[in-house]
Amino acid sequence: MTTPDLFAVVCNTGTDTMISIASETRLAQRLPAWYRACLNAPTFLLLPLLIKGAPFGLIYAEKKQHGSQELDEKELSLLCALPNQAVMAFKQFS
């Protein structure tokens, strides 16, 4: 059985996740091959979109500089509210 990659885990658990050091060995092993080949950002943020507990999308943000995605509490709070706003918009049009 294959271990699910980081993106699958984040989407399936609905957990907002900030990765500050993507090159950390244990974490890098959980990144999918397509990500490492195409993006491979050193620092990134994953905000899953869920409707009725089922994932249907993912907001992704990255920084090109290692460890540069430090956010204060207010900024992080605003970013974490973004998926809820997106889900509400999708529900309105479906």
N, C-alpha and C. Protein backbone atom coordinates (compact mmCIF):
# COMPACT_ATOMS: atom_id res chain seq x y z
N MET A 1 0.84 -1.18 0.00
CA MET A 1 0.00 0.00 0.00
C MET A 1 0.88 1.25 0.00
N THR A 2 0.54 2.20 -0.81
CA THR A 2 1.31 3.43 -0.93
C THR A 2 0.87 4.44 0.13
N THR A 3 1.83 5.13 0.70
CA THR A 3 1.54 6.19 1.66
C THR A 3 1.01 7.40 0.89
N PRO A 4 -0.11 7.99 1.33
CA PRO A 4 -0.64 9.15 0.62
C PRO A 4 0.33 10.33 0.69
N ASP A 5 0.36 11.10 -0.40
CA ASP A 5 1.25 12.26 -0.41
C ASP A 5 0.66 13.38 0.46
N LEU A 6 1.46 14.39 0.71
CA LEU A 6 1.07 15.49 1.60
C LEU A 6 -0.20 16.18 1.12
N PHE A 7 -0.34 16.39 -0.18
CA PHE A 7 -1.51 17.09 -0.71
C PHE A 7 -2.78 16.27 -0.44
N ALA A 8 -2.72 14.96 -0.63
CA ALA A 8 -3.87 14.10 -0.37
C ALA A 8 -4.24 14.13 1.11
N VAL A 9 -3.25 14.07 1.98
CA VAL A 9 -3.52 14.09 3.42
C VAL A 9 -4.17 15.41 3.82
N VAL A 10 -3.64 16.51 3.33
CA VAL A 10 -4.19 17.83 3.66
C VAL A 10 -5.63 17.95 3.18
N CYS A 11 -5.89 17.50 1.95
CA CYS A 11 -7.25 17.58 1.41
C CYS A 11 -8.20 16.67 2.16
N ASN A 12 -7.79 15.47 2.45
CA ASN A 12 -8.67 14.51 3.11
C ASN A 12 -8.95 14.85 4.57
N THR A 13 -8.02 15.52 5.23
CA THR A 13 -8.24 15.90 6.62
C THR A 13 -8.83 17.31 6.75
N GLY A 14 -8.74 18.10 5.67
CA GLY A 14 -9.25 19.47 5.72
C GLY A 14 -8.43 20.38 6.59
N THR A 15 -7.15 20.08 6.74
CA THR A 15 -6.28 20.82 7.63
C THR A 15 -5.48 21.89 6.88
N ASP A 16 -5.65 23.16 7.26
CA ASP A 16 -4.82 24.23 6.71
C ASP A 16 -3.39 23.95 7.13
N THR A 17 -2.46 24.01 6.16
CA THR A 17 -1.09 23.59 6.45
C THR A 17 -0.08 24.56 5.87
N MET A 18 0.83 25.04 6.70
CA MET A 18 1.93 25.88 6.24
C MET A 18 3.21 25.06 6.35
N ILE A 19 3.93 24.98 5.26
CA ILE A 19 5.20 24.27 5.21
C ILE A 19 6.30 25.31 5.08
N SER A 20 7.13 25.41 6.10
CA SER A 20 8.20 26.41 6.09
C SER A 20 9.48 25.88 5.48
N ILE A 21 9.73 24.57 5.63
CA ILE A 21 10.97 23.98 5.13
C ILE A 21 10.61 22.70 4.36
N ALA A 22 10.25 22.85 3.10
CA ALA A 22 9.82 21.71 2.29
C ALA A 22 10.95 20.74 1.98
N SER A 23 12.18 21.16 2.14
CA SER A 23 13.31 20.29 1.84
C SER A 23 13.66 19.33 2.98
N GLU A 24 12.99 19.48 4.13
CA GLU A 24 13.22 18.55 5.24
C GLU A 24 12.95 17.13 4.73
N THR A 25 13.88 16.22 4.95
CA THR A 25 13.84 14.89 4.35
C THR A 25 12.51 14.18 4.54
N ARG A 26 12.01 14.12 5.76
CA ARG A 26 10.76 13.40 6.03
C ARG A 26 9.59 14.01 5.26
N LEU A 27 9.57 15.32 5.17
CA LEU A 27 8.50 16.02 4.45
C LEU A 27 8.68 15.90 2.94
N ALA A 28 9.89 16.08 2.47
CA ALA A 28 10.17 16.01 1.02
C ALA A 28 9.75 14.66 0.44
N GLN A 29 9.86 13.61 1.24
CA GLN A 29 9.46 12.28 0.78
C GLN A 29 7.95 12.18 0.57
N ARG A 30 7.19 13.04 1.21
CA ARG A 30 5.72 13.02 1.11
C ARG A 30 5.20 13.92 0.00
N LEU A 31 6.09 14.67 -0.67
CA LEU A 31 5.66 15.53 -1.76
C LEU A 31 5.55 14.71 -3.04
N PRO A 32 4.47 14.89 -3.81
CA PRO A 32 4.30 14.10 -5.02
C PRO A 32 5.35 14.47 -6.08
N ALA A 33 5.65 13.51 -6.95
CA ALA A 33 6.65 13.71 -8.00
C ALA A 33 6.30 14.89 -8.90
N TRP A 34 5.02 15.06 -9.25
CA TRP A 34 4.63 16.17 -10.12
C TRP A 34 4.95 17.51 -9.46
N TYR A 35 4.81 17.58 -8.14
CA TYR A 35 5.11 18.82 -7.42
C TYR A 35 6.61 19.11 -7.45
N ARG A 36 7.39 18.10 -7.14
CA ARG A 36 8.85 18.27 -7.13
C ARG A 36 9.37 18.64 -8.52
N ALA A 37 8.77 18.09 -9.57
CA ALA A 37 9.23 18.35 -10.94
C ALA A 37 8.79 19.73 -11.45
N CYS A 38 7.61 20.17 -11.06
CA CYS A 38 7.06 21.41 -11.63
C CYS A 38 7.18 22.65 -10.75
N LEU A 39 6.99 22.51 -9.46
CA LEU A 39 6.97 23.67 -8.57
C LEU A 39 8.12 23.66 -7.59
N ASN A 40 8.12 22.70 -6.70
CA ASN A 40 9.20 22.50 -5.74
C ASN A 40 9.59 23.75 -4.95
N ALA A 41 8.59 24.48 -4.48
CA ALA A 41 8.85 25.69 -3.69
C ALA A 41 9.40 25.31 -2.32
N PRO A 42 10.29 26.10 -1.78
CA PRO A 42 10.87 25.79 -0.46
C PRO A 42 9.90 26.05 0.70
N THR A 43 8.92 26.93 0.48
CA THR A 43 7.97 27.32 1.51
C THR A 43 6.60 27.48 0.86
N PHE A 44 5.57 26.85 1.42
CA PHE A 44 4.25 27.00 0.82
C PHE A 44 3.13 26.79 1.83
N LEU A 45 1.93 27.21 1.42
CA LEU A 45 0.73 27.15 2.24
C LEU A 45 -0.34 26.39 1.48
N LEU A 46 -1.03 25.46 2.14
CA LEU A 46 -2.11 24.68 1.55
C LEU A 46 -3.39 24.93 2.34
N LEU A 47 -4.44 25.35 1.65
CA LEU A 47 -5.73 25.60 2.28
C LEU A 47 -6.78 24.79 1.52
N PRO A 48 -7.18 23.63 2.05
CA PRO A 48 -8.13 22.78 1.34
C PRO A 48 -9.54 23.36 1.33
N LEU A 49 -10.27 23.06 0.28
CA LEU A 49 -11.67 23.47 0.15
C LEU A 49 -12.53 22.21 0.28
N LEU A 50 -13.48 22.24 1.21
CA LEU A 50 -14.34 21.08 1.47
C LEU A 50 -15.80 21.50 1.43
N ILE A 51 -16.63 20.62 0.88
CA ILE A 51 -18.07 20.79 0.97
C ILE A 51 -18.61 19.49 1.54
N LYS A 52 -19.34 19.61 2.64
CA LYS A 52 -19.89 18.45 3.36
C LYS A 52 -18.80 17.43 3.68
N GLY A 53 -17.63 17.93 4.06
CA GLY A 53 -16.52 17.07 4.46
C GLY A 53 -15.74 16.45 3.33
N ALA A 54 -16.12 16.70 2.08
CA ALA A 54 -15.43 16.12 0.93
C ALA A 54 -14.58 17.19 0.23
N PRO A 55 -13.32 16.89 -0.03
CA PRO A 55 -12.45 17.87 -0.70
C PRO A 55 -12.85 18.04 -2.16
N PHE A 56 -12.82 19.31 -2.63
CA PHE A 56 -13.08 19.58 -4.04
C PHE A 56 -12.09 20.57 -4.63
N GLY A 57 -11.21 21.10 -3.81
CA GLY A 57 -10.23 22.06 -4.30
C GLY A 57 -9.18 22.35 -3.25
N LEU A 58 -8.20 23.14 -3.66
CA LEU A 58 -7.10 23.48 -2.77
C LEU A 58 -6.54 24.83 -3.16
N ILE A 59 -6.41 25.72 -2.19
CA ILE A 59 -5.73 27.00 -2.43
C ILE A 59 -4.27 26.79 -2.07
N TYR A 60 -3.40 27.17 -2.99
CA TYR A 60 -1.96 26.98 -2.83
C TYR A 60 -1.27 28.33 -2.95
N ALA A 61 -0.37 28.63 -2.03
CA ALA A 61 0.44 29.85 -2.10
C ALA A 61 1.87 29.46 -1.77
N GLU A 62 2.81 30.08 -2.44
CA GLU A 62 4.22 29.74 -2.20
C GLU A 62 5.09 30.96 -2.14
N LYS A 63 6.25 30.76 -1.58
CA LYS A 63 7.32 31.76 -1.57
C LYS A 63 8.56 31.09 -2.14
N LYS A 64 9.31 31.83 -2.91
CA LYS A 64 10.50 31.27 -3.54
C LYS A 64 11.71 31.27 -2.62
N GLN A 65 11.62 32.01 -1.51
CA GLN A 65 12.74 32.04 -0.57
C GLN A 65 12.43 31.14 0.61
N HIS A 66 13.37 30.34 0.99
CA HIS A 66 13.24 29.39 2.09
C HIS A 66 12.85 30.11 3.38
N GLY A 67 11.77 29.63 4.01
CA GLY A 67 11.36 30.16 5.31
C GLY A 67 10.81 31.56 5.29
N SER A 68 10.48 32.10 4.11
CA SER A 68 10.07 33.50 4.03
C SER A 68 8.56 33.69 4.17
N GLN A 69 7.83 32.63 4.43
CA GLN A 69 6.38 32.74 4.50
C GLN A 69 5.91 32.91 5.94
N GLU A 70 6.57 33.76 6.67
CA GLU A 70 6.16 34.01 8.04
C GLU A 70 5.03 35.03 8.03
N LEU A 71 3.96 34.66 8.70
CA LEU A 71 2.78 35.51 8.75
C LEU A 71 2.45 35.81 10.20
N ASP A 72 1.96 37.03 10.44
CA ASP A 72 1.52 37.31 11.79
C ASP A 72 0.13 36.69 11.99
N GLU A 73 -0.35 36.73 13.20
CA GLU A 73 -1.61 36.06 13.54
C GLU A 73 -2.78 36.60 12.72
N LYS A 74 -2.83 37.91 12.51
CA LYS A 74 -3.93 38.52 11.75
C LYS A 74 -3.88 38.07 10.29
N GLU A 75 -2.70 38.09 9.68
CA GLU A 75 -2.57 37.67 8.29
C GLU A 75 -2.97 36.20 8.12
N LEU A 76 -2.51 35.37 9.03
CA LEU A 76 -2.84 33.94 8.96
C LEU A 76 -4.34 33.73 9.14
N SER A 77 -4.95 34.47 10.04
CA SER A 77 -6.38 34.37 10.26
C SER A 77 -7.16 34.75 9.00
N LEU A 78 -6.74 35.81 8.35
CA LEU A 78 -7.40 36.24 7.12
C LEU A 78 -7.23 35.20 6.01
N LEU A 79 -6.04 34.67 5.88
CA LEU A 79 -5.81 33.64 4.87
C LEU A 79 -6.63 32.38 5.14
N CYS A 80 -6.74 32.00 6.38
CA CYS A 80 -7.50 30.81 6.73
C CYS A 80 -9.00 31.02 6.54
N ALA A 81 -9.46 32.26 6.51
CA ALA A 81 -10.87 32.55 6.23
C ALA A 81 -11.16 32.44 4.73
N LEU A 82 -10.14 32.55 3.91
CA LEU A 82 -10.30 32.51 2.46
C LEU A 82 -10.99 31.24 1.96
N PRO A 83 -10.60 30.05 2.43
CA PRO A 83 -11.30 28.84 1.96
C PRO A 83 -12.79 28.86 2.28
N ASN A 84 -13.17 29.35 3.45
CA ASN A 84 -14.59 29.43 3.81
C ASN A 84 -15.34 30.34 2.84
N GLN A 85 -14.73 31.45 2.48
CA GLN A 85 -15.36 32.37 1.53
C GLN A 85 -15.50 31.72 0.15
N ALA A 86 -14.47 31.00 -0.27
CA ALA A 86 -14.51 30.32 -1.56
C ALA A 86 -15.59 29.23 -1.57
N VAL A 87 -15.68 28.46 -0.50
CA VAL A 87 -16.70 27.41 -0.41
C VAL A 87 -18.10 28.03 -0.47
N MET A 88 -18.31 29.12 0.25
CA MET A 88 -19.62 29.78 0.21
C MET A 88 -19.95 30.23 -1.20
N ALA A 89 -18.98 30.75 -1.94
CA ALA A 89 -19.21 31.19 -3.32
C ALA A 89 -19.56 29.99 -4.20
N PHE A 90 -18.85 28.88 -4.05
CA PHE A 90 -19.15 27.69 -4.85
C PHE A 90 -20.53 27.15 -4.52
N LYS A 91 -20.91 27.15 -3.27
CA LYS A 91 -22.24 26.66 -2.87
C LYS A 91 -23.33 27.52 -3.49
N GLN A 92 -23.08 28.81 -3.57
CA GLN A 92 -24.08 29.74 -4.10
C GLN A 92 -24.34 29.47 -5.59
N PHE A 93 -23.32 29.05 -6.31
CA PHE A 93 -23.48 28.84 -7.75
C PHE A 93 -23.71 27.39 -8.14
N SER A 94 -23.82 26.50 -7.17
CA SER A 94 -24.06 25.10 -7.54
C SER A 94 -25.49 24.69 -7.31
